[in-house]
Amino acid sequence: MTSYTSGNPTQNRTTPQSIGFLLLDNFTLISLASAVEPLRMANQLSGRELYRWHTLTVDGGQVWASDGLQITPDAAMHSAPPMDTVIVCGGVGIQRTVTREHVTWLQAQARQSRRLGAVCTGSPVVVWGTGTPRREFLYVDDCADACVHLMKTYSGETHVNVGSGEDVTILELTQTVMDVLGYRGAIEHDLSKPDGTPRKLMDVSKLAGLGWRATTQLPQGIAGAYEAYKAGQYREAVLA
């Protein structure tokens, strides 16, 4: 399970921890039962309600489990009671059952510092092509700093490349993003997609000669962008 907060969620609590199970169409019923049973046993053995859980669907309507049973949820996800954790329950063909509405709602939960997890989703990270092409990345704060530095120190007529001067493979980038997010899923290569240009790396020697180098390493930059995203410091792209 991916967790966005640290510490023991049940320590020093006076109210039960609330967990929402978001049921996708064709979800595996045994995955839901396997997740709920430890919570039920914890309540029973402790003699008090440590955990409280609710089942959710996108619109509050019934959803089919993979074994053919039709399940009536407790609530629609948009009208769910306050929750500490949201767990997505998936099954076979999850790529066909997840909608943009699901993703947008889950993103909103993450921005509210709710822990997100999943059972039986089995969704790999798909990398186009072989993952061997190399690309250069520059953190936005470094880019802004470089621009200010050039305005103060450079007045020539030729252009100056602004970049980190370092590149990584697309596969290395994927692994770094997964490490930062704490995601332990598999990586699959879609070899039907093109690799693209083998390498894109700028010569930043001129900028270095002017006394400036990037200071933010790729993992730091991805972590910073991720934290900003969770805090809602971004704008949704609007496609025309």
C-alpha atoms as a PDB file:
ATOM      1  CA  MET A   1       0.000   0.000   0.000  1.00  0.00           C
ATOM      2  CA  THR A   2       1.228   3.499  -0.816  1.00  0.00           C
ATOM      3  CA  SER A   3       1.080   5.797   2.213  1.00  0.00           C
ATOM      4  CA  TYR A   4       1.204   9.595   2.157  1.00  0.00           C
ATOM      5  CA  THR A   5       1.458  10.091   5.910  1.00  0.00           C
ATOM      6  CA  SER A   6       3.684   8.518   8.501  1.00  0.00           C
ATOM      7  CA  GLY A   7       3.186   7.181  11.991  1.00  0.00           C
ATOM      8  CA  ASN A   8       0.818   4.703  13.574  1.00  0.00           C
ATOM      9  CA  PRO A   9      -2.704   5.754  12.509  1.00  0.00           C
ATOM     10  CA  THR A  10      -4.357   4.020  15.460  1.00  0.00           C
ATOM     11  CA  GLN A  11      -1.993   5.264  18.167  1.00  0.00           C
ATOM     12  CA  ASN A  12      -3.572   7.746  20.579  1.00  0.00           C
ATOM     13  CA  ARG A  13      -6.809   7.852  18.576  1.00  0.00           C
ATOM     14  CA  THR A  14     -10.155   8.231  20.289  1.00  0.00           C
ATOM     15  CA  THR A  15     -12.159   7.567  17.126  1.00  0.00           C
ATOM     16  CA  PRO A  16     -11.994   4.551  14.793  1.00  0.00           C
ATOM     17  CA  GLN A  17      -9.835   4.764  11.713  1.00  0.00           C
ATOM     18  CA  SER A  18     -12.155   5.086   8.726  1.00  0.00           C
ATOM     19  CA  ILE A  19     -11.367   3.173   5.539  1.00  0.00           C
ATOM     20  CA  GLY A  20     -13.157   3.434   2.218  1.00  0.00           C
ATOM     21  CA  PHE A  21     -13.026   0.545  -0.259  1.00  0.00           C
ATOM     22  CA  LEU A  22     -13.565   1.828  -3.787  1.00  0.00           C
ATOM     23  CA  LEU A  23     -15.029  -1.061  -5.786  1.00  0.00           C
ATOM     24  CA  LEU A  24     -14.277  -1.132  -9.500  1.00  0.00           C
ATOM     25  CA  ASP A  25     -16.496  -3.052 -11.884  1.00  0.00           C
ATOM     26  CA  ASN A  26     -15.490  -6.734 -12.086  1.00  0.00           C
ATOM     27  CA  PHE A  27     -13.473  -6.430  -8.863  1.00  0.00           C
ATOM     28  CA  THR A  28     -12.190  -9.563  -7.149  1.00  0.00           C
ATOM     29  CA  LEU A  29     -14.452 -10.212  -4.157  1.00  0.00           C
ATOM     30  CA  ILE A  30     -11.831 -12.240  -2.297  1.00  0.00           C
ATOM     31  CA  SER A  31      -9.507  -9.215  -2.305  1.00  0.00           C
ATOM     32  CA  LEU A  32     -12.138  -7.164  -0.499  1.00  0.00           C
ATOM     33  CA  ALA A  33     -12.793  -9.950   2.005  1.00  0.00           C
ATOM     34  CA  SER A  34      -9.055 -10.407   2.616  1.00  0.00           C
ATOM     35  CA  ALA A  35      -8.668  -6.705   3.353  1.00  0.00           C
ATOM     36  CA  VAL A  36     -11.715  -6.422   5.605  1.00  0.00           C
ATOM     37  CA  GLU A  37     -11.177  -9.575   7.679  1.00  0.00           C
ATOM     38  CA  PRO A  38      -8.051  -8.326   9.564  1.00  0.00           C
ATOM     39  CA  LEU A  39      -9.924  -5.133  10.430  1.00  0.00           C
ATOM     40  CA  ARG A  40     -12.887  -7.089  11.748  1.00  0.00           C
ATOM     41  CA  MET A  41     -10.614  -9.346  13.804  1.00  0.00           C
ATOM     42  CA  ALA A  42      -8.735  -6.359  15.239  1.00  0.00           C
ATOM     43  CA  ASN A  43     -12.023  -4.880  16.413  1.00  0.00           C
ATOM     44  CA  GLN A  44     -13.143  -8.194  17.884  1.00  0.00           C
ATOM     45  CA  LEU A  45      -9.905  -9.003  19.696  1.00  0.00           C
ATOM     46  CA  SER A  46      -9.473  -5.498  21.109  1.00  0.00           C
ATOM     47  CA  GLY A  47     -13.045  -5.333  22.340  1.00  0.00           C
ATOM     48  CA  ARG A  48     -13.534  -1.922  20.725  1.00  0.00           C
ATOM     49  CA  GLU A  49     -13.980  -0.377  17.313  1.00  0.00           C
ATOM     50  CA  LEU A  50     -10.504   0.391  16.033  1.00  0.00           C
ATOM     51  CA  TYR A  51     -11.544   0.392  12.373  1.00  0.00           C
ATOM     52  CA  ARG A  52     -14.669   1.376  10.490  1.00  0.00           C
ATOM     53  CA  TRP A  53     -15.066   0.731   6.775  1.00  0.00           C
ATOM     54  CA  HIS A  54     -17.381   1.598   3.914  1.00  0.00           C
ATOM     55  CA  THR A  55     -17.753   0.314   0.370  1.00  0.00           C
ATOM     56  CA  LEU A  56     -17.948   2.891  -2.411  1.00  0.00           C
ATOM     57  CA  THR A  57     -18.627   3.026  -6.135  1.00  0.00           C
ATOM     58  CA  VAL A  58     -18.351   5.914  -8.541  1.00  0.00           C
ATOM     59  CA  ASP A  59     -22.081   6.736  -8.436  1.00  0.00           C
ATOM     60  CA  GLY A  60     -23.389   4.686  -5.498  1.00  0.00           C
ATOM     61  CA  GLY A  61     -24.894   2.127  -7.855  1.00  0.00           C
ATOM     62  CA  GLN A  62     -24.429  -1.624  -7.739  1.00  0.00           C
ATOM     63  CA  VAL A  63     -21.240  -3.127  -9.097  1.00  0.00           C
ATOM     64  CA  TRP A  64     -20.465  -6.618 -10.353  1.00  0.00           C
ATOM     65  CA  ALA A  65     -17.778  -8.736  -8.724  1.00  0.00           C
ATOM     66  CA  SER A  66     -15.677 -11.053 -10.867  1.00  0.00           C
ATOM     67  CA  ASP A  67     -17.572 -14.100  -9.534  1.00  0.00           C
ATOM     68  CA  GLY A  68     -20.879 -12.779 -10.860  1.00  0.00           C
ATOM     69  CA  LEU A  69     -22.249 -11.416  -7.575  1.00  0.00           C
ATOM     70  CA  GLN A  70     -23.783  -7.952  -7.640  1.00  0.00           C
ATOM     71  CA  ILE A  71     -22.737  -5.782  -4.707  1.00  0.00           C
ATOM     72  CA  THR A  72     -24.615  -2.770  -3.348  1.00  0.00           C
ATOM     73  CA  PRO A  73     -22.150  -0.224  -1.908  1.00  0.00           C
ATOM     74  CA  ASP A  74     -22.628   1.937   1.157  1.00  0.00           C
ATOM     75  CA  ALA A  75     -22.224   5.205  -0.726  1.00  0.00           C
ATOM     76  CA  ALA A  76     -21.083   6.984  -3.851  1.00  0.00           C
ATOM     77  CA  MET A  77     -17.466   8.067  -3.700  1.00  0.00           C
ATOM     78  CA  HIS A  78     -18.391  11.752  -3.970  1.00  0.00           C
ATOM     79  CA  SER A  79     -20.682  11.480  -0.919  1.00  0.00           C
ATOM     80  CA  ALA A  80     -18.430   9.205   1.128  1.00  0.00           C
ATOM     81  CA  PRO A  81     -18.123   9.798   4.875  1.00  0.00           C
ATOM     82  CA  PRO A  82     -14.834  11.212   6.238  1.00  0.00           C
ATOM     83  CA  MET A  83     -12.026   8.722   5.630  1.00  0.00           C
ATOM     84  CA  ASP A  84      -8.408   8.266   6.668  1.00  0.00           C
ATOM     85  CA  THR A  85      -7.596   5.745   3.942  1.00  0.00           C
ATOM     86  CA  VAL A  86      -8.964   4.829   0.525  1.00  0.00           C
ATOM     87  CA  ILE A  87      -8.249   1.375  -0.911  1.00  0.00           C
ATOM     88  CA  VAL A  88      -9.056   0.601  -4.542  1.00  0.00           C
ATOM     89  CA  CYS A  89     -10.359  -2.927  -5.112  1.00  0.00           C
ATOM     90  CA  GLY A  90      -9.653  -4.086  -8.641  1.00  0.00           C
ATOM     91  CA  GLY A  91      -9.658  -7.249 -10.669  1.00  0.00           C
ATOM     92  CA  VAL A  92      -9.212  -8.548 -14.192  1.00  0.00           C
ATOM     93  CA  GLY A  93      -9.185  -5.893 -16.903  1.00  0.00           C
ATOM     94  CA  ILE A  94      -8.716  -2.953 -14.566  1.00  0.00           C
ATOM     95  CA  GLN A  95      -7.483  -0.791 -17.442  1.00  0.00           C
ATOM     96  CA  ARG A  96     -10.997  -0.971 -18.890  1.00  0.00           C
ATOM     97  CA  THR A  97     -12.828  -0.228 -15.634  1.00  0.00           C
ATOM     98  CA  VAL A  98     -10.883   2.770 -14.332  1.00  0.00           C
ATOM     99  CA  THR A  99     -12.323   6.060 -15.567  1.00  0.00           C
ATOM    100  CA  ARG A 100     -11.109   9.651 -15.516  1.00  0.00           C
ATOM    101  CA  GLU A 101     -13.686  10.298 -12.774  1.00  0.00           C
ATOM    102  CA  HIS A 102     -12.053   7.641 -10.588  1.00  0.00           C
ATOM    103  CA  VAL A 103      -8.599   9.116 -11.146  1.00  0.00           C
ATOM    104  CA  THR A 104      -9.686  12.707 -10.494  1.00  0.00           C
ATOM    105  CA  TRP A 105     -11.404  11.717  -7.251  1.00  0.00           C
ATOM    106  CA  LEU A 106      -8.396   9.719  -6.055  1.00  0.00           C
ATOM    107  CA  GLN A 107      -6.113  12.658  -6.843  1.00  0.00           C
ATOM    108  CA  ALA A 108      -8.361  14.864  -4.710  1.00  0.00           C
ATOM    109  CA  GLN A 109      -8.125  12.376  -1.839  1.00  0.00           C
ATOM    110  CA  ALA A 110      -4.320  12.404  -2.062  1.00  0.00           C
ATOM    111  CA  ARG A 111      -4.277  16.199  -1.921  1.00  0.00           C
ATOM    112  CA  GLN A 112      -6.291  15.963   1.296  1.00  0.00           C
ATOM    113  CA  SER A 113      -3.498  13.780   2.769  1.00  0.00           C
ATOM    114  CA  ARG A 114      -5.576  10.628   2.781  1.00  0.00           C
ATOM    115  CA  ARG A 115      -3.597   7.418   2.456  1.00  0.00           C
ATOM    116  CA  LEU A 116      -4.215   5.593  -0.819  1.00  0.00           C
ATOM    117  CA  GLY A 117      -3.778   1.908  -1.394  1.00  0.00           C
ATOM    118  CA  ALA A 118      -4.943  -0.832  -3.709  1.00  0.00           C
ATOM    119  CA  VAL A 119      -5.582  -4.558  -3.744  1.00  0.00           C
ATOM    120  CA  CYS A 120      -5.735  -6.781  -6.799  1.00  0.00           C
ATOM    121  CA  THR A 121      -5.078  -3.977  -9.258  1.00  0.00           C
ATOM    122  CA  GLY A 122      -1.920  -5.488 -10.721  1.00  0.00           C
ATOM    123  CA  SER A 123      -1.397  -2.425 -12.891  1.00  0.00           C
ATOM    124  CA  PRO A 124       2.105  -2.221 -14.339  1.00  0.00           C
ATOM    125  CA  VAL A 125       3.861   0.974 -15.333  1.00  0.00           C
ATOM    126  CA  VAL A 126       3.996   0.922 -19.128  1.00  0.00           C
ATOM    127  CA  VAL A 127       7.134   2.297 -20.786  1.00  0.00           C
ATOM    128  CA  TRP A 128       7.005   3.085 -24.479  1.00  0.00           C
ATOM    129  CA  GLY A 129       9.621   1.205 -26.486  1.00  0.00           C
ATOM    130  CA  THR A 130      12.801  -0.169 -24.976  1.00  0.00           C
ATOM    131  CA  GLY A 131      13.288   2.593 -22.384  1.00  0.00           C
ATOM    132  CA  THR A 132      16.856   3.145 -23.580  1.00  0.00           C
ATOM    133  CA  PRO A 133      16.570   6.675 -25.083  1.00  0.00           C
ATOM    134  CA  ARG A 134      18.237   9.281 -22.902  1.00  0.00           C
ATOM    135  CA  ARG A 135      16.702  12.598 -21.876  1.00  0.00           C
ATOM    136  CA  GLU A 136      17.841  15.610 -19.872  1.00  0.00           C
ATOM    137  CA  PHE A 137      15.677  17.103 -17.105  1.00  0.00           C
ATOM    138  CA  LEU A 138      15.939  20.448 -15.334  1.00  0.00           C
ATOM    139  CA  TYR A 139      14.021  21.378 -12.185  1.00  0.00           C
ATOM    140  CA  VAL A 140      11.889  24.483 -12.611  1.00  0.00           C
ATOM    141  CA  ASP A 141      13.506  26.346  -9.693  1.00  0.00           C
ATOM    142  CA  ASP A 142      16.932  25.741 -11.237  1.00  0.00           C
ATOM    143  CA  CYS A 143      15.655  27.022 -14.576  1.00  0.00           C
ATOM    144  CA  ALA A 144      14.388  30.228 -12.971  1.00  0.00           C
ATOM    145  CA  ASP A 145      17.652  30.646 -11.069  1.00  0.00           C
ATOM    146  CA  ALA A 146      19.671  30.207 -14.282  1.00  0.00           C
ATOM    147  CA  CYS A 147      17.586  32.852 -16.058  1.00  0.00           C
ATOM    148  CA  VAL A 148      18.150  35.357 -13.244  1.00  0.00           C
ATOM    149  CA  HIS A 149      21.871  34.556 -13.246  1.00  0.00           C
ATOM    150  CA  LEU A 150      22.111  35.174 -17.002  1.00  0.00           C
ATOM    151  CA  MET A 151      20.259  38.484 -16.741  1.00  0.00           C
ATOM    152  CA  LYS A 152      22.852  39.596 -14.220  1.00  0.00           C
ATOM    153  CA  THR A 153      25.984  38.240 -15.898  1.00  0.00           C
ATOM    154  CA  TYR A 154      25.445  37.915 -19.652  1.00  0.00           C
ATOM    155  CA  SER A 155      24.759  40.435 -22.403  1.00  0.00           C
ATOM    156  CA  GLY A 156      26.106  38.625 -25.463  1.00  0.00           C
ATOM    157  CA  GLU A 157      24.280  38.141 -28.740  1.00  0.00           C
ATOM    158  CA  THR A 158      24.480  34.338 -28.979  1.00  0.00           C
ATOM    159  CA  HIS A 159      22.179  31.983 -27.173  1.00  0.00           C
ATOM    160  CA  VAL A 160      23.077  30.148 -23.977  1.00  0.00           C
ATOM    161  CA  ASN A 161      21.826  26.614 -23.360  1.00  0.00           C
ATOM    162  CA  VAL A 162      20.117  26.197 -19.983  1.00  0.00           C
ATOM    163  CA  GLY A 163      20.059  22.642 -18.751  1.00  0.00           C
ATOM    164  CA  SER A 164      21.285  20.233 -16.123  1.00  0.00           C
ATOM    165  CA  GLY A 165      24.041  18.824 -18.304  1.00  0.00           C
ATOM    166  CA  GLU A 166      23.083  15.282 -17.257  1.00  0.00           C
ATOM    167  CA  ASP A 167      20.780  12.727 -18.853  1.00  0.00           C
ATOM    168  CA  VAL A 168      19.103   9.462 -17.857  1.00  0.00           C
ATOM    169  CA  THR A 169      17.357   6.720 -19.773  1.00  0.00           C
ATOM    170  CA  ILE A 170      13.567   6.673 -19.872  1.00  0.00           C
ATOM    171  CA  LEU A 171      13.696   3.431 -17.903  1.00  0.00           C
ATOM    172  CA  GLU A 172      15.865   5.078 -15.219  1.00  0.00           C
ATOM    173  CA  LEU A 173      13.401   7.989 -15.089  1.00  0.00           C
ATOM    174  CA  THR A 174      10.511   5.551 -14.627  1.00  0.00           C
ATOM    175  CA  GLN A 175      12.293   3.741 -11.814  1.00  0.00           C
ATOM    176  CA  THR A 176      13.130   7.044 -10.106  1.00  0.00           C
ATOM    177  CA  VAL A 177       9.509   8.205 -10.205  1.00  0.00           C
ATOM    178  CA  MET A 178       8.369   4.857  -8.791  1.00  0.00           C
ATOM    179  CA  ASP A 179      10.967   5.077  -5.999  1.00  0.00           C
ATOM    180  CA  VAL A 180       9.886   8.606  -5.052  1.00  0.00           C
ATOM    181  CA  LEU A 181       6.199   7.621  -4.973  1.00  0.00           C
ATOM    182  CA  GLY A 182       6.908   4.356  -3.145  1.00  0.00           C
ATOM    183  CA  TYR A 183       5.258   2.328  -5.898  1.00  0.00           C
ATOM    184  CA  ARG A 184       6.431  -1.284  -6.096  1.00  0.00           C
ATOM    185  CA  GLY A 185       4.592  -2.395  -9.211  1.00  0.00           C
ATOM    186  CA  ALA A 186       6.033  -4.012 -12.305  1.00  0.00           C
ATOM    187  CA  ILE A 187       7.367  -2.242 -15.394  1.00  0.00           C
ATOM    188  CA  GLU A 188       6.237  -3.408 -18.820  1.00  0.00           C
ATOM    189  CA  HIS A 189       7.596  -2.288 -22.189  1.00  0.00           C
ATOM    190  CA  ASP A 190       5.198  -1.546 -25.037  1.00  0.00           C
ATOM    191  CA  LEU A 191       7.467  -2.381 -27.965  1.00  0.00           C
ATOM    192  CA  SER A 192       4.771  -1.368 -30.440  1.00  0.00           C
ATOM    193  CA  LYS A 193       5.557   2.250 -29.540  1.00  0.00           C
ATOM    194  CA  PRO A 194       8.630   4.052 -30.931  1.00  0.00           C
ATOM    195  CA  ASP A 195      11.709   4.913 -28.895  1.00  0.00           C
ATOM    196  CA  GLY A 196      12.103   8.328 -30.482  1.00  0.00           C
ATOM    197  CA  THR A 197      15.370  10.246 -30.641  1.00  0.00           C
ATOM    198  CA  PRO A 198      18.142   8.191 -28.977  1.00  0.00           C
ATOM    199  CA  ARG A 199      19.527  11.115 -26.991  1.00  0.00           C
ATOM    200  CA  LYS A 200      18.684  14.723 -26.149  1.00  0.00           C
ATOM    201  CA  LEU A 201      21.355  16.465 -24.083  1.00  0.00           C
ATOM    202  CA  MET A 202      22.424  20.092 -24.301  1.00  0.00           C
ATOM    203  CA  ASP A 203      25.948  21.423 -24.085  1.00  0.00           C
ATOM    204  CA  VAL A 204      25.901  23.599 -20.956  1.00  0.00           C
ATOM    205  CA  SER A 205      29.614  24.392 -20.897  1.00  0.00           C
ATOM    206  CA  LYS A 206      28.952  28.040 -21.765  1.00  0.00           C
ATOM    207  CA  LEU A 207      26.569  28.416 -18.850  1.00  0.00           C
ATOM    208  CA  ALA A 208      29.027  26.670 -16.556  1.00  0.00           C
ATOM    209  CA  GLY A 209      31.720  29.089 -17.702  1.00  0.00           C
ATOM    210  CA  LEU A 210      29.466  31.925 -16.560  1.00  0.00           C
ATOM    211  CA  GLY A 211      29.420  30.438 -13.067  1.00  0.00           C
ATOM    212  CA  TRP A 212      26.136  28.559 -12.953  1.00  0.00           C
ATOM    213  CA  ARG A 213      25.277  24.881 -12.576  1.00  0.00           C
ATOM    214  CA  ALA A 214      22.053  23.093 -11.699  1.00  0.00           C
ATOM    215  CA  THR A 215      21.901  22.036  -8.054  1.00  0.00           C
ATOM    216  CA  THR A 216      18.707  19.946  -7.898  1.00  0.00           C
ATOM    217  CA  GLN A 217      19.180  16.238  -8.567  1.00  0.00           C
ATOM    218  CA  LEU A 218      16.469  14.361 -10.440  1.00  0.00           C
ATOM    219  CA  PRO A 219      15.035  12.498  -7.401  1.00  0.00           C
ATOM    220  CA  GLN A 220      14.868  15.784  -5.466  1.00  0.00           C
ATOM    221  CA  GLY A 221      13.091  17.505  -8.342  1.00  0.00           C
ATOM    222  CA  ILE A 222      10.545  14.737  -8.786  1.00  0.00           C
ATOM    223  CA  ALA A 223       9.887  14.667  -5.025  1.00  0.00           C
ATOM    224  CA  GLY A 224       9.416  18.448  -4.994  1.00  0.00           C
ATOM    225  CA  ALA A 225       7.022  18.328  -7.930  1.00  0.00           C
ATOM    226  CA  TYR A 226       5.100  15.472  -6.284  1.00  0.00           C
ATOM    227  CA  GLU A 227       4.741  17.333  -2.982  1.00  0.00           C
ATOM    228  CA  ALA A 228       3.567  20.454  -4.848  1.00  0.00           C
ATOM    229  CA  TYR A 229       1.027  18.355  -6.715  1.00  0.00           C
ATOM    230  CA  LYS A 230      -0.340  16.842  -3.491  1.00  0.00           C
ATOM    231  CA  ALA A 231      -0.617  20.348  -2.052  1.00  0.00           C
ATOM    232  CA  GLY A 232      -2.699  21.421  -5.064  1.00  0.00           C
ATOM    233  CA  GLN A 233      -0.010  23.755  -6.406  1.00  0.00           C
ATOM    234  CA  TYR A 234      -0.651  23.028 -10.062  1.00  0.00           C
ATOM    235  CA  ARG A 235      -3.051  23.757 -12.898  1.00  0.00           C
ATOM    236  CA  GLU A 236      -4.925  21.130 -14.855  1.00  0.00           C
ATOM    237  CA  ALA A 237      -4.023  21.057 -18.554  1.00  0.00           C
ATOM    238  CA  VAL A 238      -6.977  21.945 -20.758  1.00  0.00           C
ATOM    239  CA  LEU A 239      -7.027  20.244 -24.150  1.00  0.00           C
ATOM    240  CA  ALA A 240      -8.645  22.236 -26.940  1.00  0.00           C
END
